[in-house]
Amino acid sequence: MAQTIETIDVNVPVSVAYNQWTQFEEFPKFLDEVESITQPTDILTIWKVKVGPVEKTFEAQITEQHPDERVAWNSTGGEADHAGVITFHKLSDTETRLTVQIDWEPTGVFEKLGSTLGADNHAVKKDLRNFKEYIESQGSEDGAWRGEVDA
């Protein structure tokens, strides 16, 4: 299993960063490989992604969600096997550190080669930079879901 861990500091309060991250259907605005996400329930998301020539559709279940602290998920069906967590750390009233950890199983030659070359780390780092640019330029979140999940 491959693993990537990346961290970024964003210049917004922790609640703004967290609230934006809970707006999963907005992810295509800042995650380059995500074509769409639908969220039919509070804990189920359906993803369509394209990485290079590989397109995948999968479901991910939110397994843990605590406002301003963390969101964790597991893939539950489809063409991707992965789990992840993002944590939110208040650095000051106007600055937040985000740390993302994703564990995933590369399949096929393209994904295995990409993982070996560190493409997964590069992609997550780039997506976090995109999130930083997006939320800092917005100055506020697109919405919020402050519910708790403990699966």
N, C-alpha and C. Protein backbone atom coordinates (compact mmCIF):
# COMPACT_ATOMS: atom_id res chain seq x y z
N MET A 1 0.85 -1.18 0.00
CA MET A 1 0.00 0.00 0.00
C MET A 1 0.89 1.24 0.00
N ALA A 2 0.53 2.23 -0.80
CA ALA A 2 1.26 3.49 -0.89
C ALA A 2 0.68 4.48 0.13
N GLN A 3 1.51 5.41 0.55
CA GLN A 3 1.05 6.42 1.51
C GLN A 3 1.65 7.77 1.13
N THR A 4 0.83 8.79 1.30
CA THR A 4 1.32 10.16 1.13
C THR A 4 0.85 10.98 2.32
N ILE A 5 1.73 11.84 2.81
CA ILE A 5 1.41 12.76 3.90
C ILE A 5 1.93 14.13 3.48
N GLU A 6 1.05 15.11 3.48
CA GLU A 6 1.43 16.48 3.12
C GLU A 6 0.77 17.47 4.07
N THR A 7 1.43 18.60 4.26
CA THR A 7 0.96 19.64 5.16
C THR A 7 1.05 20.99 4.47
N ILE A 8 0.10 21.87 4.80
CA ILE A 8 0.16 23.25 4.30
C ILE A 8 -0.47 24.17 5.34
N ASP A 9 0.03 25.38 5.42
CA ASP A 9 -0.56 26.41 6.28
C ASP A 9 -1.38 27.35 5.41
N VAL A 10 -2.59 27.65 5.86
CA VAL A 10 -3.46 28.57 5.13
C VAL A 10 -3.78 29.77 6.01
N ASN A 11 -3.92 30.92 5.40
CA ASN A 11 -4.15 32.16 6.13
C ASN A 11 -5.63 32.46 6.26
N VAL A 12 -6.33 31.55 6.91
CA VAL A 12 -7.74 31.72 7.27
C VAL A 12 -7.94 31.05 8.62
N PRO A 13 -8.97 31.46 9.36
CA PRO A 13 -9.26 30.80 10.63
C PRO A 13 -9.57 29.31 10.43
N VAL A 14 -9.35 28.51 11.46
CA VAL A 14 -9.57 27.08 11.37
C VAL A 14 -11.00 26.75 10.96
N SER A 15 -11.98 27.49 11.45
CA SER A 15 -13.37 27.20 11.10
C SER A 15 -13.64 27.43 9.61
N VAL A 16 -12.99 28.42 9.01
CA VAL A 16 -13.18 28.69 7.58
C VAL A 16 -12.56 27.55 6.76
N ALA A 17 -11.35 27.14 7.10
CA ALA A 17 -10.70 26.04 6.38
C ALA A 17 -11.52 24.76 6.51
N TYR A 18 -11.94 24.44 7.71
CA TYR A 18 -12.74 23.23 7.94
C TYR A 18 -14.07 23.29 7.20
N ASN A 19 -14.77 24.41 7.33
CA ASN A 19 -16.07 24.54 6.68
C ASN A 19 -15.96 24.35 5.17
N GLN A 20 -14.92 24.93 4.55
CA GLN A 20 -14.76 24.76 3.11
C GLN A 20 -14.47 23.30 2.78
N TRP A 21 -13.65 22.64 3.58
CA TRP A 21 -13.30 21.25 3.30
C TRP A 21 -14.52 20.34 3.39
N THR A 22 -15.53 20.70 4.14
CA THR A 22 -16.73 19.85 4.25
C THR A 22 -17.67 20.04 3.07
N GLN A 23 -17.35 20.93 2.16
CA GLN A 23 -18.16 21.16 0.97
C GLN A 23 -17.62 20.30 -0.17
N PHE A 24 -17.81 19.00 -0.06
CA PHE A 24 -17.18 18.04 -0.97
C PHE A 24 -17.55 18.28 -2.43
N GLU A 25 -18.77 18.68 -2.69
CA GLU A 25 -19.20 18.89 -4.08
C GLU A 25 -18.48 20.08 -4.73
N GLU A 26 -17.81 20.90 -3.92
CA GLU A 26 -17.03 22.03 -4.44
C GLU A 26 -15.58 21.65 -4.74
N PHE A 27 -15.13 20.44 -4.41
CA PHE A 27 -13.74 20.03 -4.60
C PHE A 27 -13.22 20.23 -6.02
N PRO A 28 -14.04 20.03 -7.08
CA PRO A 28 -13.49 20.25 -8.42
C PRO A 28 -12.96 21.67 -8.65
N LYS A 29 -13.35 22.60 -7.81
CA LYS A 29 -12.84 23.97 -7.95
C LYS A 29 -11.36 24.07 -7.62
N PHE A 30 -10.84 23.13 -6.81
CA PHE A 30 -9.44 23.23 -6.42
C PHE A 30 -8.67 21.91 -6.48
N LEU A 31 -9.34 20.79 -6.69
CA LEU A 31 -8.64 19.51 -6.86
C LEU A 31 -8.64 19.17 -8.36
N ASP A 32 -7.48 19.28 -8.99
CA ASP A 32 -7.37 19.17 -10.45
C ASP A 32 -7.89 17.86 -11.02
N GLU A 33 -7.65 16.76 -10.35
CA GLU A 33 -8.02 15.45 -10.91
C GLU A 33 -9.49 15.09 -10.65
N VAL A 34 -10.18 15.84 -9.81
CA VAL A 34 -11.56 15.52 -9.47
C VAL A 34 -12.49 16.16 -10.50
N GLU A 35 -13.23 15.33 -11.19
CA GLU A 35 -14.19 15.83 -12.17
C GLU A 35 -15.52 16.18 -11.52
N SER A 36 -15.96 15.34 -10.56
CA SER A 36 -17.19 15.65 -9.83
C SER A 36 -17.27 14.82 -8.56
N ILE A 37 -18.02 15.35 -7.61
CA ILE A 37 -18.36 14.64 -6.38
C ILE A 37 -19.82 14.93 -6.11
N THR A 38 -20.56 13.88 -5.80
CA THR A 38 -21.92 14.06 -5.31
C THR A 38 -21.96 13.48 -3.90
N GLN A 39 -22.83 14.04 -3.08
CA GLN A 39 -22.95 13.60 -1.70
C GLN A 39 -24.42 13.31 -1.41
N PRO A 40 -24.85 12.05 -1.65
CA PRO A 40 -26.26 11.72 -1.45
C PRO A 40 -26.69 11.64 0.02
N THR A 41 -25.74 11.41 0.94
CA THR A 41 -26.06 11.38 2.37
C THR A 41 -24.96 12.13 3.13
N ASP A 42 -25.16 12.32 4.42
CA ASP A 42 -24.16 13.02 5.23
C ASP A 42 -22.81 12.31 5.23
N ILE A 43 -22.81 10.97 5.02
CA ILE A 43 -21.55 10.25 5.12
C ILE A 43 -21.09 9.59 3.82
N LEU A 44 -21.86 9.65 2.76
CA LEU A 44 -21.49 9.00 1.51
C LEU A 44 -21.19 10.02 0.42
N THR A 45 -20.03 9.85 -0.23
CA THR A 45 -19.67 10.68 -1.37
C THR A 45 -19.35 9.77 -2.56
N ILE A 46 -19.69 10.24 -3.75
CA ILE A 46 -19.42 9.50 -4.98
C ILE A 46 -18.50 10.38 -5.83
N TRP A 47 -17.33 9.85 -6.13
CA TRP A 47 -16.27 10.59 -6.81
C TRP A 47 -16.10 10.12 -8.24
N LYS A 48 -15.81 11.06 -9.14
CA LYS A 48 -15.35 10.77 -10.50
C LYS A 48 -14.04 11.52 -10.65
N VAL A 49 -12.96 10.78 -10.89
CA VAL A 49 -11.63 11.38 -11.00
C VAL A 49 -10.98 10.93 -12.30
N LYS A 50 -10.04 11.76 -12.75
CA LYS A 50 -9.24 11.41 -13.91
C LYS A 50 -7.81 11.83 -13.64
N VAL A 51 -6.92 10.83 -13.64
CA VAL A 51 -5.50 11.08 -13.43
C VAL A 51 -4.79 10.58 -14.68
N GLY A 52 -4.29 11.52 -15.47
CA GLY A 52 -3.69 11.14 -16.74
C GLY A 52 -4.74 10.45 -17.59
N PRO A 53 -4.41 9.27 -18.11
CA PRO A 53 -5.38 8.56 -18.96
C PRO A 53 -6.37 7.71 -18.17
N VAL A 54 -6.22 7.65 -16.84
CA VAL A 54 -7.03 6.74 -16.03
C VAL A 54 -8.22 7.49 -15.42
N GLU A 55 -9.42 6.99 -15.72
CA GLU A 55 -10.64 7.53 -15.12
C GLU A 55 -11.20 6.51 -14.14
N LYS A 56 -11.65 7.00 -12.98
CA LYS A 56 -12.22 6.10 -11.97
C LYS A 56 -13.44 6.73 -11.34
N THR A 57 -14.37 5.88 -10.95
CA THR A 57 -15.52 6.28 -10.16
C THR A 57 -15.52 5.40 -8.92
N PHE A 58 -15.72 6.03 -7.77
CA PHE A 58 -15.74 5.25 -6.53
C PHE A 58 -16.58 5.97 -5.48
N GLU A 59 -16.97 5.21 -4.48
CA GLU A 59 -17.68 5.75 -3.33
C GLU A 59 -16.71 5.84 -2.16
N ALA A 60 -16.88 6.87 -1.37
CA ALA A 60 -16.10 7.01 -0.14
C ALA A 60 -17.07 7.34 0.99
N GLN A 61 -16.86 6.68 2.11
CA GLN A 61 -17.70 6.92 3.29
C GLN A 61 -16.90 7.71 4.31
N ILE A 62 -17.51 8.77 4.82
CA ILE A 62 -16.90 9.54 5.89
C ILE A 62 -17.04 8.70 7.16
N THR A 63 -15.91 8.37 7.76
CA THR A 63 -15.91 7.51 8.93
C THR A 63 -15.76 8.28 10.24
N GLU A 64 -15.27 9.50 10.12
CA GLU A 64 -15.08 10.33 11.31
C GLU A 64 -15.07 11.79 10.87
N GLN A 65 -15.81 12.61 11.59
CA GLN A 65 -15.83 14.03 11.28
C GLN A 65 -16.10 14.80 12.56
N HIS A 66 -15.16 15.67 12.91
CA HIS A 66 -15.28 16.49 14.11
C HIS A 66 -14.94 17.93 13.72
N PRO A 67 -15.90 18.84 13.86
CA PRO A 67 -15.69 20.22 13.42
C PRO A 67 -14.38 20.83 13.92
N ASP A 68 -13.69 21.47 12.99
CA ASP A 68 -12.44 22.18 13.22
C ASP A 68 -11.29 21.27 13.65
N GLU A 69 -11.49 19.94 13.56
CA GLU A 69 -10.43 19.01 13.97
C GLU A 69 -10.03 18.03 12.87
N ARG A 70 -11.00 17.26 12.33
CA ARG A 70 -10.62 16.21 11.39
C ARG A 70 -11.79 15.67 10.58
N VAL A 71 -11.45 15.15 9.41
CA VAL A 71 -12.38 14.41 8.57
C VAL A 71 -11.61 13.18 8.08
N ALA A 72 -12.19 12.00 8.29
CA ALA A 72 -11.56 10.75 7.83
C ALA A 72 -12.53 10.02 6.91
N TRP A 73 -12.00 9.24 5.98
CA TRP A 73 -12.85 8.53 5.02
C TRP A 73 -12.18 7.22 4.59
N ASN A 74 -13.01 6.37 4.00
CA ASN A 74 -12.61 5.09 3.43
C ASN A 74 -13.34 4.90 2.12
N SER A 75 -12.67 4.39 1.11
CA SER A 75 -13.41 4.02 -0.09
C SER A 75 -14.24 2.78 0.22
N THR A 76 -15.43 2.71 -0.37
CA THR A 76 -16.34 1.61 -0.05
C THR A 76 -16.78 0.85 -1.28
N GLY A 77 -16.53 1.36 -2.42
CA GLY A 77 -16.95 0.67 -3.63
C GLY A 77 -16.45 1.39 -4.85
N GLY A 78 -16.32 0.67 -5.91
CA GLY A 78 -15.87 1.26 -7.15
C GLY A 78 -14.45 0.89 -7.46
N GLU A 79 -13.76 1.77 -8.16
CA GLU A 79 -12.48 1.45 -8.75
C GLU A 79 -11.27 1.97 -7.99
N ALA A 80 -11.42 2.35 -6.74
CA ALA A 80 -10.29 2.87 -5.98
C ALA A 80 -10.31 2.29 -4.57
N ASP A 81 -9.13 1.92 -4.09
CA ASP A 81 -9.00 1.39 -2.74
C ASP A 81 -8.10 2.34 -1.96
N HIS A 82 -8.72 3.12 -1.10
CA HIS A 82 -7.92 4.07 -0.33
C HIS A 82 -8.65 4.48 0.95
N ALA A 83 -7.88 5.10 1.85
CA ALA A 83 -8.42 5.69 3.07
C ALA A 83 -7.60 6.94 3.34
N GLY A 84 -8.21 7.89 4.04
CA GLY A 84 -7.48 9.11 4.32
C GLY A 84 -8.05 9.87 5.49
N VAL A 85 -7.28 10.87 5.90
CA VAL A 85 -7.70 11.76 6.97
C VAL A 85 -7.07 13.13 6.72
N ILE A 86 -7.82 14.18 7.02
CA ILE A 86 -7.27 15.52 7.03
C ILE A 86 -7.51 16.09 8.42
N THR A 87 -6.47 16.69 8.98
CA THR A 87 -6.59 17.30 10.30
C THR A 87 -6.35 18.80 10.17
N PHE A 88 -7.00 19.54 11.06
CA PHE A 88 -6.97 21.00 11.06
C PHE A 88 -6.39 21.46 12.39
N HIS A 89 -5.34 22.27 12.33
CA HIS A 89 -4.65 22.72 13.53
C HIS A 89 -4.63 24.24 13.57
N LYS A 90 -5.23 24.82 14.59
CA LYS A 90 -5.25 26.27 14.75
C LYS A 90 -3.86 26.74 15.14
N LEU A 91 -3.26 27.56 14.29
CA LEU A 91 -1.95 28.15 14.59
C LEU A 91 -2.11 29.52 15.23
N SER A 92 -3.15 30.23 14.80
CA SER A 92 -3.50 31.53 15.37
C SER A 92 -4.95 31.79 15.01
N ASP A 93 -5.47 32.94 15.36
CA ASP A 93 -6.85 33.25 15.00
C ASP A 93 -7.06 33.36 13.50
N THR A 94 -5.97 33.54 12.75
CA THR A 94 -6.09 33.74 11.30
C THR A 94 -5.24 32.77 10.48
N GLU A 95 -4.69 31.74 11.10
CA GLU A 95 -3.85 30.79 10.37
C GLU A 95 -4.11 29.37 10.84
N THR A 96 -4.18 28.45 9.87
CA THR A 96 -4.50 27.05 10.14
C THR A 96 -3.53 26.15 9.39
N ARG A 97 -3.12 25.07 10.04
CA ARG A 97 -2.31 24.05 9.39
C ARG A 97 -3.20 22.86 9.05
N LEU A 98 -3.14 22.42 7.80
CA LEU A 98 -3.86 21.24 7.33
C LEU A 98 -2.84 20.14 7.07
N THR A 99 -3.12 18.95 7.56
CA THR A 99 -2.28 17.79 7.28
C THR A 99 -3.16 16.70 6.69
N VAL A 100 -2.76 16.20 5.53
CA VAL A 100 -3.50 15.16 4.82
C VAL A 100 -2.65 13.89 4.79
N GLN A 101 -3.28 12.77 5.14
CA GLN A 101 -2.65 11.47 4.98
C GLN A 101 -3.58 10.60 4.15
N ILE A 102 -3.05 10.02 3.09
CA ILE A 102 -3.84 9.13 2.23
C ILE A 102 -3.06 7.83 2.06
N ASP A 103 -3.71 6.72 2.34
CA ASP A 103 -3.18 5.38 2.10
C ASP A 103 -3.98 4.80 0.95
N TRP A 104 -3.30 4.31 -0.07
CA TRP A 104 -4.00 3.82 -1.25
C TRP A 104 -3.26 2.66 -1.89
N GLU A 105 -4.01 1.89 -2.63
CA GLU A 105 -3.47 0.73 -3.32
C GLU A 105 -3.39 1.02 -4.82
N PRO A 106 -2.18 1.28 -5.33
CA PRO A 106 -2.05 1.52 -6.76
C PRO A 106 -2.39 0.24 -7.55
N THR A 107 -3.13 0.41 -8.63
CA THR A 107 -3.44 -0.72 -9.51
C THR A 107 -3.02 -0.36 -10.92
N GLY A 108 -2.62 -1.31 -11.65
CA GLY A 108 -2.22 -1.07 -13.03
C GLY A 108 -0.82 -0.46 -13.12
N VAL A 109 -0.26 -0.56 -14.28
CA VAL A 109 1.10 -0.09 -14.52
C VAL A 109 1.23 1.42 -14.30
N PHE A 110 0.28 2.20 -14.80
CA PHE A 110 0.34 3.66 -14.70
C PHE A 110 0.38 4.10 -13.24
N GLU A 111 -0.52 3.57 -12.41
CA GLU A 111 -0.57 3.98 -11.00
C GLU A 111 0.65 3.49 -10.24
N LYS A 112 1.09 2.27 -10.50
CA LYS A 112 2.26 1.74 -9.79
C LYS A 112 3.51 2.55 -10.12
N LEU A 113 3.67 2.89 -11.39
CA LEU A 113 4.81 3.71 -11.79
C LEU A 113 4.71 5.11 -11.17
N GLY A 114 3.52 5.70 -11.22
CA GLY A 114 3.32 7.03 -10.62
C GLY A 114 3.64 7.05 -9.14
N SER A 115 3.20 6.02 -8.43
CA SER A 115 3.48 5.92 -7.00
C SER A 115 4.98 5.80 -6.74
N THR A 116 5.64 4.96 -7.52
CA THR A 116 7.09 4.78 -7.37
C THR A 116 7.84 6.08 -7.61
N LEU A 117 7.37 6.88 -8.55
CA LEU A 117 8.02 8.14 -8.88
C LEU A 117 7.59 9.31 -7.99
N GLY A 118 6.64 9.07 -7.06
CA GLY A 118 6.20 10.12 -6.14
C GLY A 118 5.13 11.04 -6.71
N ALA A 119 4.47 10.61 -7.78
CA ALA A 119 3.43 11.44 -8.38
C ALA A 119 2.28 11.68 -7.42
N ASP A 120 2.00 10.70 -6.55
CA ASP A 120 0.92 10.87 -5.58
C ASP A 120 1.24 11.99 -4.59
N ASN A 121 2.47 12.03 -4.10
CA ASN A 121 2.87 13.10 -3.19
C ASN A 121 2.79 14.46 -3.87
N HIS A 122 3.27 14.51 -5.10
CA HIS A 122 3.23 15.76 -5.87
C HIS A 122 1.79 16.23 -6.07
N ALA A 123 0.90 15.29 -6.41
CA ALA A 123 -0.50 15.66 -6.67
C ALA A 123 -1.17 16.20 -5.41
N VAL A 124 -0.95 15.55 -4.26
CA VAL A 124 -1.58 16.02 -3.02
C VAL A 124 -1.01 17.38 -2.63
N LYS A 125 0.28 17.55 -2.77
CA LYS A 125 0.90 18.85 -2.46
C LYS A 125 0.31 19.95 -3.35
N LYS A 126 0.16 19.65 -4.65
CA LYS A 126 -0.41 20.62 -5.59
C LYS A 126 -1.86 20.94 -5.22
N ASP A 127 -2.62 19.91 -4.88
CA ASP A 127 -4.02 20.13 -4.51
C ASP A 127 -4.14 20.96 -3.23
N LEU A 128 -3.26 20.75 -2.28
CA LEU A 128 -3.28 21.58 -1.08
C LEU A 128 -2.92 23.03 -1.40
N ARG A 129 -1.97 23.24 -2.30
CA ARG A 129 -1.65 24.62 -2.72
C ARG A 129 -2.86 25.25 -3.41
N ASN A 130 -3.55 24.46 -4.24
CA ASN A 130 -4.77 24.97 -4.90
C ASN A 130 -5.84 25.32 -3.86
N PHE A 131 -6.00 24.48 -2.84
CA PHE A 131 -6.96 24.78 -1.78
C PHE A 131 -6.58 26.07 -1.08
N LYS A 132 -5.31 26.22 -0.76
CA LYS A 132 -4.82 27.44 -0.10
C LYS A 132 -5.16 28.68 -0.93
N GLU A 133 -4.84 28.63 -2.21
CA GLU A 133 -5.13 29.77 -3.09
C GLU A 133 -6.63 30.05 -3.15
N TYR A 134 -7.40 28.98 -3.25
CA TYR A 134 -8.86 29.13 -3.37
C TYR A 134 -9.44 29.77 -2.10
N ILE A 135 -9.15 29.21 -0.94
CA ILE A 135 -9.79 29.70 0.28
C ILE A 135 -9.26 31.08 0.68
N GLU A 136 -7.98 31.33 0.44
CA GLU A 136 -7.45 32.65 0.78
C GLU A 136 -7.99 33.72 -0.16
N SER A 137 -8.19 33.41 -1.42
CA SER A 137 -8.74 34.40 -2.34
C SER A 137 -10.22 34.63 -2.09
N GLN A 138 -10.93 33.60 -1.67
CA GLN A 138 -12.35 33.73 -1.34
C GLN A 138 -12.53 34.54 -0.06
N GLY A 139 -11.71 34.22 0.94
CA GLY A 139 -11.82 34.88 2.24
C GLY A 139 -12.89 34.29 3.13
N SER A 140 -13.78 33.49 2.55
CA SER A 140 -14.82 32.82 3.34
C SER A 140 -15.17 31.52 2.63
N GLU A 141 -15.84 30.65 3.35
CA GLU A 141 -16.19 29.35 2.83
C GLU A 141 -17.44 29.41 1.96
N ASP A 142 -17.59 28.40 1.08
CA ASP A 142 -18.78 28.30 0.23
C ASP A 142 -19.99 27.80 1.01
N GLY A 143 -19.77 27.20 2.15
CA GLY A 143 -20.84 26.64 2.97
C GLY A 143 -20.20 25.95 4.16
N ALA A 144 -21.01 25.24 4.92
CA ALA A 144 -20.48 24.55 6.09
C ALA A 144 -21.39 23.40 6.46
N TRP A 145 -20.80 22.35 6.98
CA TRP A 145 -21.54 21.27 7.62
C TRP A 145 -20.80 20.98 8.90
N ARG A 146 -21.41 21.25 10.03
CA ARG A 146 -20.76 21.18 11.32
C ARG A 146 -21.16 19.94 12.11
N GLY A 147 -21.74 18.95 11.44
CA GLY A 147 -22.16 17.75 12.13
C GLY A 147 -21.00 16.86 12.54
N GLU A 148 -21.27 15.94 13.44
CA GLU A 148 -20.29 14.98 13.92
C GLU A 148 -20.56 13.63 13.28
N VAL A 149 -19.51 12.91 12.97
CA VAL A 149 -19.62 11.54 12.48
C VAL A 149 -18.64 10.69 13.26
N ASP A 150 -19.12 9.57 13.79
CA ASP A 150 -18.29 8.56 14.43
C ASP A 150 -18.80 7.21 13.96
N ALA A 151 -18.21 6.70 12.91
CA ALA A 151 -18.70 5.42 12.35
C ALA A 151 -18.02 4.25 13.03
